[in-house]
Amino acid sequence: MGPIAASFATNLGFRPEAFLMAVAIGAGCDFLTPVGYKFSDYPHLGLPLSFLIILVSVPALLYVWPVR
């Protein structure tokens, strides 16, 4: 996914660092899928973590690695 994200960013005229870090954060979010639980437990366990990651990582990406 990294080369695709870098190519996509370059084609849009953006710096690829933020896109590459977004891919790295997304790849590191394997804890969002609860292992050993029923599928119906996912909304209770994984959904709050997903929202937390979105709320923290998107502003952090834009602050630390600006796209322009």
C-alpha atoms as a PDB file:
ATOM      1  CA  MET A   1       0.000   0.000   0.000  1.00  0.00           C
ATOM      2  CA  GLY A   2       2.919   2.329   0.579  1.00  0.00           C
ATOM      3  CA  PRO A   3       3.931   2.704  -3.074  1.00  0.00           C
ATOM      4  CA  ILE A   4       0.306   3.228  -4.069  1.00  0.00           C
ATOM      5  CA  ALA A   5      -0.160   5.924  -1.415  1.00  0.00           C
ATOM      6  CA  ALA A   6       3.075   7.661  -2.398  1.00  0.00           C
ATOM      7  CA  SER A   7       2.152   7.605  -6.073  1.00  0.00           C
ATOM      8  CA  PHE A   8      -1.351   8.862  -5.304  1.00  0.00           C
ATOM      9  CA  ALA A   9      -0.002  11.750  -3.229  1.00  0.00           C
ATOM     10  CA  THR A  10       2.543  12.691  -5.871  1.00  0.00           C
ATOM     11  CA  ASN A  11      -0.072  12.651  -8.629  1.00  0.00           C
ATOM     12  CA  LEU A  12      -2.280  14.960  -6.555  1.00  0.00           C
ATOM     13  CA  GLY A  13       0.626  17.330  -5.969  1.00  0.00           C
ATOM     14  CA  PHE A  14       0.944  16.561  -2.248  1.00  0.00           C
ATOM     15  CA  ARG A  15       3.953  15.491  -0.225  1.00  0.00           C
ATOM     16  CA  PRO A  16       3.846  11.703   0.227  1.00  0.00           C
ATOM     17  CA  GLU A  17       4.975  11.595   3.876  1.00  0.00           C
ATOM     18  CA  ALA A  18       1.500  12.148   5.349  1.00  0.00           C
ATOM     19  CA  PHE A  19      -0.014   9.541   3.054  1.00  0.00           C
ATOM     20  CA  LEU A  20       2.678   7.023   3.956  1.00  0.00           C
ATOM     21  CA  MET A  21       2.176   7.634   7.667  1.00  0.00           C
ATOM     22  CA  ALA A  22      -1.576   7.174   7.230  1.00  0.00           C
ATOM     23  CA  VAL A  23      -0.854   3.771   5.685  1.00  0.00           C
ATOM     24  CA  ALA A  24       1.496   2.912   8.569  1.00  0.00           C
ATOM     25  CA  ILE A  25      -1.087   3.903  11.184  1.00  0.00           C
ATOM     26  CA  GLY A  26      -3.774   1.933   9.383  1.00  0.00           C
ATOM     27  CA  ALA A  27      -1.532  -1.126   9.249  1.00  0.00           C
ATOM     28  CA  GLY A  28      -0.852  -0.814  12.968  1.00  0.00           C
ATOM     29  CA  CYS A  29      -4.534  -0.800  13.890  1.00  0.00           C
ATOM     30  CA  ASP A  30      -4.822  -4.572  14.081  1.00  0.00           C
ATOM     31  CA  PHE A  31      -5.977  -4.273  17.689  1.00  0.00           C
ATOM     32  CA  LEU A  32      -9.275  -2.835  16.464  1.00  0.00           C
ATOM     33  CA  THR A  33     -10.557  -6.294  15.563  1.00  0.00           C
ATOM     34  CA  PRO A  34     -11.172  -8.237  18.765  1.00  0.00           C
ATOM     35  CA  VAL A  35      -9.700 -11.730  18.609  1.00  0.00           C
ATOM     36  CA  GLY A  36     -11.441 -14.414  20.585  1.00  0.00           C
ATOM     37  CA  TYR A  37     -14.718 -12.521  20.728  1.00  0.00           C
ATOM     38  CA  LYS A  38     -17.955 -12.979  18.864  1.00  0.00           C
ATOM     39  CA  PHE A  39     -18.474 -10.827  15.798  1.00  0.00           C
ATOM     40  CA  SER A  40     -21.294  -9.032  17.577  1.00  0.00           C
ATOM     41  CA  ASP A  41     -18.760  -7.785  20.166  1.00  0.00           C
ATOM     42  CA  TYR A  42     -16.944  -5.713  17.547  1.00  0.00           C
ATOM     43  CA  PRO A  43     -19.250  -2.665  17.744  1.00  0.00           C
ATOM     44  CA  HIS A  44     -18.799  -2.563  21.511  1.00  0.00           C
ATOM     45  CA  LEU A  45     -15.028  -3.042  21.571  1.00  0.00           C
ATOM     46  CA  GLY A  46     -13.611  -2.035  18.198  1.00  0.00           C
ATOM     47  CA  LEU A  47     -15.803   0.900  17.263  1.00  0.00           C
ATOM     48  CA  PRO A  48     -14.783   3.183  20.162  1.00  0.00           C
ATOM     49  CA  LEU A  49     -11.122   2.454  19.446  1.00  0.00           C
ATOM     50  CA  SER A  50     -11.673   3.217  15.764  1.00  0.00           C
ATOM     51  CA  PHE A  51     -13.178   6.598  16.578  1.00  0.00           C
ATOM     52  CA  LEU A  52     -10.348   7.347  18.998  1.00  0.00           C
ATOM     53  CA  ILE A  53      -7.730   6.549  16.357  1.00  0.00           C
ATOM     54  CA  ILE A  54      -9.498   8.758  13.812  1.00  0.00           C
ATOM     55  CA  LEU A  55      -9.844  11.644  16.259  1.00  0.00           C
ATOM     56  CA  VAL A  56      -6.178  11.492  17.259  1.00  0.00           C
ATOM     57  CA  SER A  57      -4.347  10.390  14.118  1.00  0.00           C
ATOM     58  CA  VAL A  58      -5.894  12.655  11.474  1.00  0.00           C
ATOM     59  CA  PRO A  59      -5.062  15.947  13.236  1.00  0.00           C
ATOM     60  CA  ALA A  60      -1.665  14.574  14.266  1.00  0.00           C
ATOM     61  CA  LEU A  61      -0.871  13.580  10.683  1.00  0.00           C
ATOM     62  CA  LEU A  62      -1.844  16.993   9.379  1.00  0.00           C
ATOM     63  CA  TYR A  63       0.146  18.760  12.106  1.00  0.00           C
ATOM     64  CA  VAL A  64       3.341  16.697  12.005  1.00  0.00           C
ATOM     65  CA  TRP A  65       3.368  15.884   8.273  1.00  0.00           C
ATOM     66  CA  PRO A  66       1.577  18.682   6.397  1.00  0.00           C
ATOM     67  CA  VAL A  67       0.456  17.663   2.931  1.00  0.00           C
ATOM     68  CA  ARG A  68       1.777  20.799   1.226  1.00  0.00           C
END
